[in-house]
Amino acid sequence: MENQKILSAFSYLSIFFAPFIVPLVVYFVSKDSEVKRHSIRALISHLIPVAFGIVFFILFVFSTISFNTTDPFSNGNSLIIVWLVTFVIYLLVSLGIIIWNIIQAVRVVR
């Protein structure tokens, strides 16, 4: 039973060194349904920052295109504000996911 807990916690903590590989390997190697459930949850939580990164990158590209005007009197403050807001949101989401993974790993081990 201890090995299953360690594998489950390892899936969550792999966000620091191999976020996609470890949960997939644990999912396919393990035969325990509880370990498989934890590895899928860990994989999904590792994919969330990637999805947010793609969405925010697309938002940044479109905001750059829409704010790129030839008007010499327009300032670029809007572009900087959009970039900073999306970057801060991305950092907060990523930090939240990291904290959530640590909490889940500790819960599994208990």
PDB file of N, CA and C in Angstrom:
ATOM      1  N   MET A   1       0.824  -1.206   0.000  1.00  0.00           N
ATOM      2  CA  MET A   1       0.000   0.000   0.000  1.00  0.00           C
ATOM      3  C   MET A   1       0.863   1.262   0.000  1.00  0.00           C
ATOM      4  N   GLU A   2       2.021   1.211   0.629  1.00  0.00           N
ATOM      5  CA  GLU A   2       2.909   2.370   0.679  1.00  0.00           C
ATOM      6  C   GLU A   2       3.410   2.750  -0.702  1.00  0.00           C
ATOM      7  N   ASN A   3       3.678   1.767  -1.543  1.00  0.00           N
ATOM      8  CA  ASN A   3       4.175   2.064  -2.880  1.00  0.00           C
ATOM      9  C   ASN A   3       3.156   2.828  -3.707  1.00  0.00           C
ATOM     10  N   GLN A   4       1.874   2.506  -3.529  1.00  0.00           N
ATOM     11  CA  GLN A   4       0.828   3.214  -4.263  1.00  0.00           C
ATOM     12  C   GLN A   4       0.763   4.681  -3.831  1.00  0.00           C
ATOM     13  N   LYS A   5       0.913   4.916  -2.538  1.00  0.00           N
ATOM     14  CA  LYS A   5       0.903   6.297  -2.052  1.00  0.00           C
ATOM     15  C   LYS A   5       2.094   7.077  -2.600  1.00  0.00           C
ATOM     16  N   ILE A   6       3.240   6.435  -2.612  1.00  0.00           N
ATOM     17  CA  ILE A   6       4.444   7.110  -3.105  1.00  0.00           C
ATOM     18  C   ILE A   6       4.322   7.412  -4.595  1.00  0.00           C
ATOM     19  N   LEU A   7       3.807   6.467  -5.363  1.00  0.00           N
ATOM     20  CA  LEU A   7       3.625   6.703  -6.802  1.00  0.00           C
ATOM     21  C   LEU A   7       2.629   7.833  -7.059  1.00  0.00           C
ATOM     22  N   SER A   8       1.553   7.864  -6.282  1.00  0.00           N
ATOM     23  CA  SER A   8       0.568   8.926  -6.446  1.00  0.00           C
ATOM     24  C   SER A   8       1.158  10.285  -6.105  1.00  0.00           C
ATOM     25  N   ALA A   9       1.878  10.356  -4.994  1.00  0.00           N
ATOM     26  CA  ALA A   9       2.508  11.624  -4.603  1.00  0.00           C
ATOM     27  C   ALA A   9       3.582  12.025  -5.604  1.00  0.00           C
ATOM     28  N   PHE A  10       4.310  11.056  -6.118  1.00  0.00           N
ATOM     29  CA  PHE A  10       5.350  11.316  -7.115  1.00  0.00           C
ATOM     30  C   PHE A  10       4.741  11.903  -8.387  1.00  0.00           C
ATOM     31  N   SER A  11       3.550  11.460  -8.744  1.00  0.00           N
ATOM     32  CA  SER A  11       2.871  12.012  -9.920  1.00  0.00           C
ATOM     33  C   SER A  11       2.578  13.497  -9.735  1.00  0.00           C
ATOM     34  N   TYR A  12       2.119  13.858  -8.535  1.00  0.00           N
ATOM     35  CA  TYR A  12       1.817  15.266  -8.276  1.00  0.00           C
ATOM     36  C   TYR A  12       3.091  16.111  -8.206  1.00  0.00           C
ATOM     37  N   LEU A  13       4.114  15.596  -7.552  1.00  0.00           N
ATOM     38  CA  LEU A  13       5.338  16.369  -7.362  1.00  0.00           C
ATOM     39  C   LEU A  13       6.215  16.430  -8.610  1.00  0.00           C
ATOM     40  N   SER A  14       5.862  15.670  -9.618  1.00  0.00           N
ATOM     41  CA  SER A  14       6.654  15.700 -10.847  1.00  0.00           C
ATOM     42  C   SER A  14       6.497  17.002 -11.616  1.00  0.00           C
ATOM     43  N   ILE A  15       5.655  17.888 -11.143  1.00  0.00           N
ATOM     44  CA  ILE A  15       5.502  19.192 -11.796  1.00  0.00           C
ATOM     45  C   ILE A  15       6.819  19.967 -11.747  1.00  0.00           C
ATOM     46  N   PHE A  16       7.710  19.600 -10.839  1.00  0.00           N
ATOM     47  CA  PHE A  16       8.986  20.301 -10.712  1.00  0.00           C
ATOM     48  C   PHE A  16      10.065  19.794 -11.663  1.00  0.00           C
ATOM     49  N   PHE A  17       9.944  18.556 -12.150  1.00  0.00           N
ATOM     50  CA  PHE A  17      11.041  18.028 -12.959  1.00  0.00           C
ATOM     51  C   PHE A  17      10.602  17.329 -14.237  1.00  0.00           C
ATOM     52  N   ALA A  18       9.467  16.707 -14.310  1.00  0.00           N
ATOM     53  CA  ALA A  18       9.011  16.046 -15.534  1.00  0.00           C
ATOM     54  C   ALA A  18       7.477  16.027 -15.536  1.00  0.00           C
ATOM     55  N   PRO A  19       6.867  17.169 -15.784  1.00  0.00           N
ATOM     56  CA  PRO A  19       5.432  17.303 -15.557  1.00  0.00           C
ATOM     57  C   PRO A  19       4.533  16.395 -16.383  1.00  0.00           C
ATOM     58  N   PHE A  20       4.901  16.052 -17.576  1.00  0.00           N
ATOM     59  CA  PHE A  20       3.996  15.256 -18.408  1.00  0.00           C
ATOM     60  C   PHE A  20       4.405  13.791 -18.443  1.00  0.00           C
ATOM     61  N   ILE A  21       5.674  13.528 -18.333  1.00  0.00           N
ATOM     62  CA  ILE A  21       6.184  12.168 -18.510  1.00  0.00           C
ATOM     63  C   ILE A  21       5.834  11.279 -17.318  1.00  0.00           C
ATOM     64  N   VAL A  22       6.090  11.754 -16.116  1.00  0.00           N
ATOM     65  CA  VAL A  22       5.906  10.913 -14.934  1.00  0.00           C
ATOM     66  C   VAL A  22       4.450  10.488 -14.742  1.00  0.00           C
ATOM     67  N   PRO A  23       3.467  11.394 -14.798  1.00  0.00           N
ATOM     68  CA  PRO A  23       2.087  10.914 -14.637  1.00  0.00           C
ATOM     69  C   PRO A  23       1.662   9.918 -15.720  1.00  0.00           C
ATOM     70  N   LEU A  24       2.136  10.104 -16.945  1.00  0.00           N
ATOM     71  CA  LEU A  24       1.798   9.157 -18.002  1.00  0.00           C
ATOM     72  C   LEU A  24       2.435   7.790 -17.745  1.00  0.00           C
ATOM     73  N   VAL A  25       3.689   7.779 -17.340  1.00  0.00           N
ATOM     74  CA  VAL A  25       4.366   6.508 -17.048  1.00  0.00           C
ATOM     75  C   VAL A  25       3.685   5.809 -15.881  1.00  0.00           C
ATOM     76  N   VAL A  26       3.367   6.554 -14.836  1.00  0.00           N
ATOM     77  CA  VAL A  26       2.705   5.959 -13.674  1.00  0.00           C
ATOM     78  C   VAL A  26       1.336   5.415 -14.075  1.00  0.00           C
ATOM     79  N   TYR A  27       0.632   6.121 -14.922  1.00  0.00           N
ATOM     80  CA  TYR A  27      -0.690   5.661 -15.359  1.00  0.00           C
ATOM     81  C   TYR A  27      -0.587   4.328 -16.101  1.00  0.00           C
ATOM     82  N   PHE A  28       0.367   4.210 -17.003  1.00  0.00           N
ATOM     83  CA  PHE A  28       0.469   2.995 -17.801  1.00  0.00           C
ATOM     84  C   PHE A  28       1.154   1.842 -17.072  1.00  0.00           C
ATOM     85  N   VAL A  29       1.977   2.134 -16.075  1.00  0.00           N
ATOM     86  CA  VAL A  29       2.690   1.081 -15.361  1.00  0.00           C
ATOM     87  C   VAL A  29       1.848   0.515 -14.210  1.00  0.00           C
ATOM     88  N   SER A  30       1.114   1.371 -13.548  1.00  0.00           N
ATOM     89  CA  SER A  30       0.378   0.942 -12.361  1.00  0.00           C
ATOM     90  C   SER A  30      -0.877   0.155 -12.735  1.00  0.00           C
ATOM     91  N   LYS A  31      -1.225  -0.768 -11.858  1.00  0.00           N
ATOM     92  CA  LYS A  31      -2.437  -1.554 -12.047  1.00  0.00           C
ATOM     93  C   LYS A  31      -3.531  -1.124 -11.074  1.00  0.00           C
ATOM     94  N   ASP A  32      -3.160  -0.327 -10.083  1.00  0.00           N
ATOM     95  CA  ASP A  32      -4.110   0.126  -9.068  1.00  0.00           C
ATOM     96  C   ASP A  32      -4.955   1.279  -9.619  1.00  0.00           C
ATOM     97  N   SER A  33      -6.257   1.182  -9.453  1.00  0.00           N
ATOM     98  CA  SER A  33      -7.155   2.210 -10.006  1.00  0.00           C
ATOM     99  C   SER A  33      -6.997   3.548  -9.284  1.00  0.00           C
ATOM    100  N   GLU A  34      -6.694   3.502  -7.996  1.00  0.00           N
ATOM    101  CA  GLU A  34      -6.510   4.756  -7.242  1.00  0.00           C
ATOM    102  C   GLU A  34      -5.259   5.499  -7.717  1.00  0.00           C
ATOM    103  N   VAL A  35      -4.189   4.791  -7.977  1.00  0.00           N
ATOM    104  CA  VAL A  35      -2.966   5.402  -8.482  1.00  0.00           C
ATOM    105  C   VAL A  35      -3.210   5.977  -9.881  1.00  0.00           C
ATOM    106  N   LYS A  36      -3.961   5.256 -10.702  1.00  0.00           N
ATOM    107  CA  LYS A  36      -4.286   5.756 -12.044  1.00  0.00           C
ATOM    108  C   LYS A  36      -5.111   7.039 -11.959  1.00  0.00           C
ATOM    109  N   ARG A  37      -6.041   7.077 -11.019  1.00  0.00           N
ATOM    110  CA  ARG A  37      -6.867   8.279 -10.845  1.00  0.00           C
ATOM    111  C   ARG A  37      -6.002   9.471 -10.443  1.00  0.00           C
ATOM    112  N   HIS A  38      -5.084   9.257  -9.526  1.00  0.00           N
ATOM    113  CA  HIS A  38      -4.203  10.344  -9.098  1.00  0.00           C
ATOM    114  C   HIS A  38      -3.252  10.775 -10.221  1.00  0.00           C
ATOM    115  N   SER A  39      -2.781   9.838 -11.004  1.00  0.00           N
ATOM    116  CA  SER A  39      -1.864  10.213 -12.087  1.00  0.00           C
ATOM    117  C   SER A  39      -2.592  11.018 -13.172  1.00  0.00           C
ATOM    118  N   ILE A  40      -3.843  10.691 -13.451  1.00  0.00           N
ATOM    119  CA  ILE A  40      -4.619  11.477 -14.430  1.00  0.00           C
ATOM    120  C   ILE A  40      -4.895  12.875 -13.877  1.00  0.00           C
ATOM    121  N   ARG A  41      -5.243  12.965 -12.599  1.00  0.00           N
ATOM    122  CA  ARG A  41      -5.462  14.285 -11.990  1.00  0.00           C
ATOM    123  C   ARG A  41      -4.186  15.118 -12.031  1.00  0.00           C
ATOM    124  N   ALA A  42      -3.059  14.483 -11.766  1.00  0.00           N
ATOM    125  CA  ALA A  42      -1.775  15.190 -11.810  1.00  0.00           C
ATOM    126  C   ALA A  42      -1.471  15.650 -13.230  1.00  0.00           C
ATOM    127  N   LEU A  43      -1.716  14.807 -14.209  1.00  0.00           N
ATOM    128  CA  LEU A  43      -1.464  15.176 -15.599  1.00  0.00           C
ATOM    129  C   LEU A  43      -2.336  16.356 -16.025  1.00  0.00           C
ATOM    130  N   ILE A  44      -3.602  16.315 -15.657  1.00  0.00           N
ATOM    131  CA  ILE A  44      -4.502  17.427 -16.004  1.00  0.00           C
ATOM    132  C   ILE A  44      -4.035  18.713 -15.326  1.00  0.00           C
ATOM    133  N   SER A  45      -3.629  18.609 -14.064  1.00  0.00           N
ATOM    134  CA  SER A  45      -3.165  19.820 -13.377  1.00  0.00           C
ATOM    135  C   SER A  45      -1.860  20.335 -13.966  1.00  0.00           C
ATOM    136  N   HIS A  46      -1.056  19.469 -14.561  1.00  0.00           N
ATOM    137  CA  HIS A  46       0.171  19.913 -15.212  1.00  0.00           C
ATOM    138  C   HIS A  46      -0.112  20.537 -16.568  1.00  0.00           C
ATOM    139  N   LEU A  47      -1.227  20.165 -17.190  1.00  0.00           N
ATOM    140  CA  LEU A  47      -1.582  20.726 -18.496  1.00  0.00           C
ATOM    141  C   LEU A  47      -2.272  22.083 -18.405  1.00  0.00           C
ATOM    142  N   ILE A  48      -2.841  22.412 -17.258  1.00  0.00           N
ATOM    143  CA  ILE A  48      -3.571  23.677 -17.107  1.00  0.00           C
ATOM    144  C   ILE A  48      -2.689  24.895 -17.382  1.00  0.00           C
ATOM    145  N   PRO A  49      -1.474  25.001 -16.808  1.00  0.00           N
ATOM    146  CA  PRO A  49      -0.641  26.167 -17.138  1.00  0.00           C
ATOM    147  C   PRO A  49      -0.271  26.241 -18.617  1.00  0.00           C
ATOM    148  N   VAL A  50      -0.114  25.098 -19.256  1.00  0.00           N
ATOM    149  CA  VAL A  50       0.202  25.093 -20.688  1.00  0.00           C
ATOM    150  C   VAL A  50      -0.977  25.656 -21.474  1.00  0.00           C
ATOM    151  N   ALA A  51      -2.188  25.232 -21.124  1.00  0.00           N
ATOM    152  CA  ALA A  51      -3.378  25.733 -21.804  1.00  0.00           C
ATOM    153  C   ALA A  51      -3.544  27.236 -21.590  1.00  0.00           C
ATOM    154  N   PHE A  52      -3.346  27.690 -20.348  1.00  0.00           N
ATOM    155  CA  PHE A  52      -3.430  29.127 -20.070  1.00  0.00           C
ATOM    156  C   PHE A  52      -2.344  29.890 -20.823  1.00  0.00           C
ATOM    157  N   GLY A  53      -1.165  29.318 -20.912  1.00  0.00           N
ATOM    158  CA  GLY A  53      -0.069  29.963 -21.643  1.00  0.00           C
ATOM    159  C   GLY A  53      -0.407  30.139 -23.113  1.00  0.00           C
ATOM    160  N   ILE A  54      -1.014  29.133 -23.716  1.00  0.00           N
ATOM    161  CA  ILE A  54      -1.400  29.232 -25.124  1.00  0.00           C
ATOM    162  C   ILE A  54      -2.479  30.284 -25.312  1.00  0.00           C
ATOM    163  N   VAL A  55      -3.475  30.287 -24.438  1.00  0.00           N
ATOM    164  CA  VAL A  55      -4.557  31.280 -24.538  1.00  0.00           C
ATOM    165  C   VAL A  55      -4.010  32.688 -24.362  1.00  0.00           C
ATOM    166  N   PHE A  56      -3.149  32.888 -23.378  1.00  0.00           N
ATOM    167  CA  PHE A  56      -2.608  34.220 -23.146  1.00  0.00           C
ATOM    168  C   PHE A  56      -1.640  34.648 -24.239  1.00  0.00           C
ATOM    169  N   PHE A  57      -0.927  33.706 -24.834  1.00  0.00           N
ATOM    170  CA  PHE A  57      -0.069  34.047 -25.966  1.00  0.00           C
ATOM    171  C   PHE A  57      -0.908  34.516 -27.149  1.00  0.00           C
ATOM    172  N   ILE A  58      -1.987  33.822 -27.426  1.00  0.00           N
ATOM    173  CA  ILE A  58      -2.888  34.237 -28.512  1.00  0.00           C
ATOM    174  C   ILE A  58      -3.484  35.608 -28.204  1.00  0.00           C
ATOM    175  N   LEU A  59      -3.896  35.827 -26.959  1.00  0.00           N
ATOM    176  CA  LEU A  59      -4.423  37.137 -26.558  1.00  0.00           C
ATOM    177  C   LEU A  59      -3.371  38.219 -26.748  1.00  0.00           C
ATOM    178  N   PHE A  60      -2.141  37.916 -26.391  1.00  0.00           N
ATOM    179  CA  PHE A  60      -1.063  38.894 -26.543  1.00  0.00           C
ATOM    180  C   PHE A  60      -0.811  39.209 -28.010  1.00  0.00           C
ATOM    181  N   VAL A  61      -0.808  38.193 -28.856  1.00  0.00           N
ATOM    182  CA  VAL A  61      -0.572  38.421 -30.290  1.00  0.00           C
ATOM    183  C   VAL A  61      -1.688  39.274 -30.878  1.00  0.00           C
ATOM    184  N   PHE A  62      -2.939  38.951 -30.561  1.00  0.00           N
ATOM    185  CA  PHE A  62      -4.043  39.738 -31.110  1.00  0.00           C
ATOM    186  C   PHE A  62      -4.079  41.155 -30.546  1.00  0.00           C
ATOM    187  N   SER A  63      -3.696  41.312 -29.271  1.00  0.00           N
ATOM    188  CA  SER A  63      -3.670  42.663 -28.717  1.00  0.00           C
ATOM    189  C   SER A  63      -2.545  43.477 -29.343  1.00  0.00           C
ATOM    190  N   THR A  64      -1.433  42.826 -29.673  1.00  0.00           N
ATOM    191  CA  THR A  64      -0.340  43.522 -30.346  1.00  0.00           C
ATOM    192  C   THR A  64      -0.763  43.980 -31.731  1.00  0.00           C
ATOM    193  N   ILE A  65      -1.478  43.128 -32.426  1.00  0.00           N
ATOM    194  CA  ILE A  65      -1.949  43.488 -33.764  1.00  0.00           C
ATOM    195  C   ILE A  65      -2.986  44.601 -33.692  1.00  0.00           C
ATOM    196  N   SER A  66      -3.909  44.519 -32.732  1.00  0.00           N
ATOM    197  CA  SER A  66      -4.974  45.516 -32.665  1.00  0.00           C
ATOM    198  C   SER A  66      -4.475  46.864 -32.149  1.00  0.00           C
ATOM    199  N   PHE A  67      -3.457  46.876 -31.280  1.00  0.00           N
ATOM    200  CA  PHE A  67      -2.935  48.143 -30.761  1.00  0.00           C
ATOM    201  C   PHE A  67      -1.850  48.739 -31.656  1.00  0.00           C
ATOM    202  N   ASN A  68      -1.423  48.027 -32.663  1.00  0.00           N
ATOM    203  CA  ASN A  68      -0.374  48.511 -33.543  1.00  0.00           C
ATOM    204  C   ASN A  68      -0.992  49.478 -34.564  1.00  0.00           C
ATOM    205  N   THR A  69      -0.950  50.731 -34.238  1.00  0.00           N
ATOM    206  CA  THR A  69      -1.513  51.749 -35.128  1.00  0.00           C
ATOM    207  C   THR A  69      -0.390  52.621 -35.668  1.00  0.00           C
ATOM    208  N   THR A  70      -0.694  53.280 -36.739  1.00  0.00           N
ATOM    209  CA  THR A  70       0.291  54.187 -37.328  1.00  0.00           C
ATOM    210  C   THR A  70       0.116  55.609 -36.817  1.00  0.00           C
ATOM    211  N   ASP A  71      -0.759  55.805 -35.872  1.00  0.00           N
ATOM    212  CA  ASP A  71      -0.990  57.128 -35.307  1.00  0.00           C
ATOM    213  C   ASP A  71       0.210  57.523 -34.446  1.00  0.00           C
ATOM    214  N   PRO A  72       0.910  58.591 -34.813  1.00  0.00           N
ATOM    215  CA  PRO A  72       2.097  58.971 -34.049  1.00  0.00           C
ATOM    216  C   PRO A  72       1.777  59.500 -32.654  1.00  0.00           C
ATOM    217  N   PHE A  73       0.513  59.897 -32.414  1.00  0.00           N
ATOM    218  CA  PHE A  73       0.151  60.453 -31.121  1.00  0.00           C
ATOM    219  C   PHE A  73      -0.373  59.401 -30.145  1.00  0.00           C
ATOM    220  N   SER A  74      -0.541  58.180 -30.610  1.00  0.00           N
ATOM    221  CA  SER A  74      -1.014  57.130 -29.695  1.00  0.00           C
ATOM    222  C   SER A  74       0.176  56.582 -28.913  1.00  0.00           C
ATOM    223  N   ASN A  75      -0.080  56.302 -27.659  1.00  0.00           N
ATOM    224  CA  ASN A  75       1.006  55.755 -26.832  1.00  0.00           C
ATOM    225  C   ASN A  75       0.813  54.249 -26.686  1.00  0.00           C
ATOM    226  N   GLY A  76       1.851  53.567 -26.324  1.00  0.00           N
ATOM    227  CA  GLY A  76       1.815  52.113 -26.221  1.00  0.00           C
ATOM    228  C   GLY A  76       1.457  51.608 -24.843  1.00  0.00           C
ATOM    229  N   ASN A  77       0.842  52.448 -24.018  1.00  0.00           N
ATOM    230  CA  ASN A  77       0.511  52.038 -22.657  1.00  0.00           C
ATOM    231  C   ASN A  77      -0.516  50.914 -22.628  1.00  0.00           C
ATOM    232  N   SER A  78      -1.442  50.919 -23.561  1.00  0.00           N
ATOM    233  CA  SER A  78      -2.472  49.873 -23.568  1.00  0.00           C
ATOM    234  C   SER A  78      -1.851  48.508 -23.795  1.00  0.00           C
ATOM    235  N   LEU A  79      -0.912  48.437 -24.696  1.00  0.00           N
ATOM    236  CA  LEU A  79      -0.242  47.168 -24.977  1.00  0.00           C
ATOM    237  C   LEU A  79       0.533  46.674 -23.764  1.00  0.00           C
ATOM    238  N   ILE A  80       1.202  47.557 -23.081  1.00  0.00           N
ATOM    239  CA  ILE A  80       1.976  47.175 -21.900  1.00  0.00           C
ATOM    240  C   ILE A  80       1.048  46.707 -20.784  1.00  0.00           C
ATOM    241  N   ILE A  81      -0.084  47.379 -20.620  1.00  0.00           N
ATOM    242  CA  ILE A  81      -1.040  46.989 -19.580  1.00  0.00           C
ATOM    243  C   ILE A  81      -1.619  45.612 -19.877  1.00  0.00           C
ATOM    244  N   VAL A  82      -2.007  45.365 -21.125  1.00  0.00           N
ATOM    245  CA  VAL A  82      -2.545  44.052 -21.496  1.00  0.00           C
ATOM    246  C   VAL A  82      -1.496  42.977 -21.260  1.00  0.00           C
ATOM    247  N   TRP A  83      -0.261  43.237 -21.655  1.00  0.00           N
ATOM    248  CA  TRP A  83       0.802  42.251 -21.471  1.00  0.00           C
ATOM    249  C   TRP A  83       1.045  41.968 -19.995  1.00  0.00           C
ATOM    250  N   LEU A  84       1.124  42.999 -19.176  1.00  0.00           N
ATOM    251  CA  LEU A  84       1.368  42.813 -17.747  1.00  0.00           C
ATOM    252  C   LEU A  84       0.226  42.079 -17.061  1.00  0.00           C
ATOM    253  N   VAL A  85      -1.003  42.424 -17.403  1.00  0.00           N
ATOM    254  CA  VAL A  85      -2.154  41.759 -16.785  1.00  0.00           C
ATOM    255  C   VAL A  85      -2.176  40.276 -17.142  1.00  0.00           C
ATOM    256  N   THR A  86      -1.959  39.954 -18.407  1.00  0.00           N
ATOM    257  CA  THR A  86      -1.958  38.543 -18.794  1.00  0.00           C
ATOM    258  C   THR A  86      -0.793  37.796 -18.153  1.00  0.00           C
ATOM    259  N   PHE A  87       0.354  38.438 -18.047  1.00  0.00           N
ATOM    260  CA  PHE A  87       1.510  37.799 -17.429  1.00  0.00           C
ATOM    261  C   PHE A  87       1.272  37.546 -15.945  1.00  0.00           C
ATOM    262  N   VAL A  88       0.677  38.496 -15.250  1.00  0.00           N
ATOM    263  CA  VAL A  88       0.393  38.332 -13.822  1.00  0.00           C
ATOM    264  C   VAL A  88      -0.649  37.229 -13.614  1.00  0.00           C
ATOM    265  N   ILE A  89      -1.671  37.201 -14.455  1.00  0.00           N
ATOM    266  CA  ILE A  89      -2.678  36.139 -14.341  1.00  0.00           C
ATOM    267  C   ILE A  89      -2.038  34.776 -14.575  1.00  0.00           C
ATOM    268  N   TYR A  90      -1.174  34.691 -15.574  1.00  0.00           N
ATOM    269  CA  TYR A  90      -0.495  33.424 -15.853  1.00  0.00           C
ATOM    270  C   TYR A  90       0.377  32.985 -14.673  1.00  0.00           C
ATOM    271  N   LEU A  91       1.103  33.921 -14.086  1.00  0.00           N
ATOM    272  CA  LEU A  91       1.931  33.585 -12.925  1.00  0.00           C
ATOM    273  C   LEU A  91       1.092  33.122 -11.744  1.00  0.00           C
ATOM    274  N   LEU A  92      -0.039  33.785 -11.503  1.00  0.00           N
ATOM    275  CA  LEU A  92      -0.908  33.393 -10.395  1.00  0.00           C
ATOM    276  C   LEU A  92      -1.516  32.010 -10.617  1.00  0.00           C
ATOM    277  N   VAL A  93      -1.945  31.731 -11.836  1.00  0.00           N
ATOM    278  CA  VAL A  93      -2.496  30.410 -12.145  1.00  0.00           C
ATOM    279  C   VAL A  93      -1.425  29.343 -11.975  1.00  0.00           C
ATOM    280  N   SER A  94      -0.236  29.589 -12.471  1.00  0.00           N
ATOM    281  CA  SER A  94       0.852  28.614 -12.348  1.00  0.00           C
ATOM    282  C   SER A  94       1.236  28.387 -10.890  1.00  0.00           C
ATOM    283  N   LEU A  95       1.325  29.446 -10.120  1.00  0.00           N
ATOM    284  CA  LEU A  95       1.635  29.316  -8.700  1.00  0.00           C
ATOM    285  C   LEU A  95       0.535  28.550  -7.970  1.00  0.00           C
ATOM    286  N   GLY A  96      -0.717  28.832  -8.309  1.00  0.00           N
ATOM    287  CA  GLY A  96      -1.833  28.110  -7.701  1.00  0.00           C
ATOM    288  C   GLY A  96      -1.799  26.627  -8.021  1.00  0.00           C
ATOM    289  N   ILE A  97      -1.450  26.292  -9.247  1.00  0.00           N
ATOM    290  CA  ILE A  97      -1.358  24.888  -9.642  1.00  0.00           C
ATOM    291  C   ILE A  97      -0.214  24.194  -8.914  1.00  0.00           C
ATOM    292  N   ILE A  98       0.903  24.863  -8.761  1.00  0.00           N
ATOM    293  CA  ILE A  98       2.036  24.275  -8.033  1.00  0.00           C
ATOM    294  C   ILE A  98       1.664  24.023  -6.575  1.00  0.00           C
ATOM    295  N   ILE A  99       1.024  24.994  -5.950  1.00  0.00           N
ATOM    296  CA  ILE A  99       0.595  24.829  -4.555  1.00  0.00           C
ATOM    297  C   ILE A  99      -0.422  23.700  -4.437  1.00  0.00           C
ATOM    298  N   TRP A 100      -1.360  23.631  -5.388  1.00  0.00           N
ATOM    299  CA  TRP A 100      -2.367  22.568  -5.362  1.00  0.00           C
ATOM    300  C   TRP A 100      -1.708  21.192  -5.480  1.00  0.00           C
ATOM    301  N   ASN A 101      -0.715  21.062  -6.351  1.00  0.00           N
ATOM    302  CA  ASN A 101      -0.025  19.785  -6.514  1.00  0.00           C
ATOM    303  C   ASN A 101       0.721  19.384  -5.237  1.00  0.00           C
ATOM    304  N   ILE A 102       1.339  20.333  -4.580  1.00  0.00           N
ATOM    305  CA  ILE A 102       2.038  20.027  -3.323  1.00  0.00           C
ATOM    306  C   ILE A 102       1.040  19.569  -2.265  1.00  0.00           C
ATOM    307  N   ILE A 103      -0.091  20.256  -2.165  1.00  0.00           N
ATOM    308  CA  ILE A 103      -1.118  19.879  -1.189  1.00  0.00           C
ATOM    309  C   ILE A 103      -1.654  18.480  -1.485  1.00  0.00           C
ATOM    310  N   GLN A 104      -1.898  18.187  -2.756  1.00  0.00           N
ATOM    311  CA  GLN A 104      -2.404  16.856  -3.110  1.00  0.00           C
ATOM    312  C   GLN A 104      -1.386  15.769  -2.795  1.00  0.00           C
ATOM    313  N   ALA A 105      -0.110  16.035  -3.019  1.00  0.00           N
ATOM    314  CA  ALA A 105       0.933  15.052  -2.718  1.00  0.00           C
ATOM    315  C   ALA A 105       0.990  14.768  -1.226  1.00  0.00           C
ATOM    316  N   VAL A 106       0.875  15.811  -0.418  1.00  0.00           N
ATOM    317  CA  VAL A 106       0.895  15.630   1.034  1.00  0.00           C
ATOM    318  C   VAL A 106      -0.347  14.860   1.480  1.00  0.00           C
ATOM    319  N   ARG A 107      -1.501  15.168   0.901  1.00  0.00           N
ATOM    320  CA  ARG A 107      -2.737  14.453   1.251  1.00  0.00           C
ATOM    321  C   ARG A 107      -2.647  12.958   0.916  1.00  0.00           C
ATOM    322  N   VAL A 108      -2.058  12.663  -0.207  1.00  0.00           N
ATOM    323  CA  VAL A 108      -1.967  11.270  -0.636  1.00  0.00           C
ATOM    324  C   VAL A 108      -1.066  10.477   0.296  1.00  0.00           C
ATOM    325  N   VAL A 109       0.022  11.085   0.727  1.00  0.00           N
ATOM    326  CA  VAL A 109       0.982  10.376   1.564  1.00  0.00           C
ATOM    327  C   VAL A 109       0.407  10.099   2.955  1.00  0.00           C
ATOM    328  N   ARG A 110      -0.451  10.943   3.450  1.00  0.00           N
ATOM    329  CA  ARG A 110      -1.027  10.759   4.802  1.00  0.00           C
ATOM    330  C   ARG A 110      -1.862   9.541   4.888  1.00  0.00           C
TER     331      ARG A 110
END
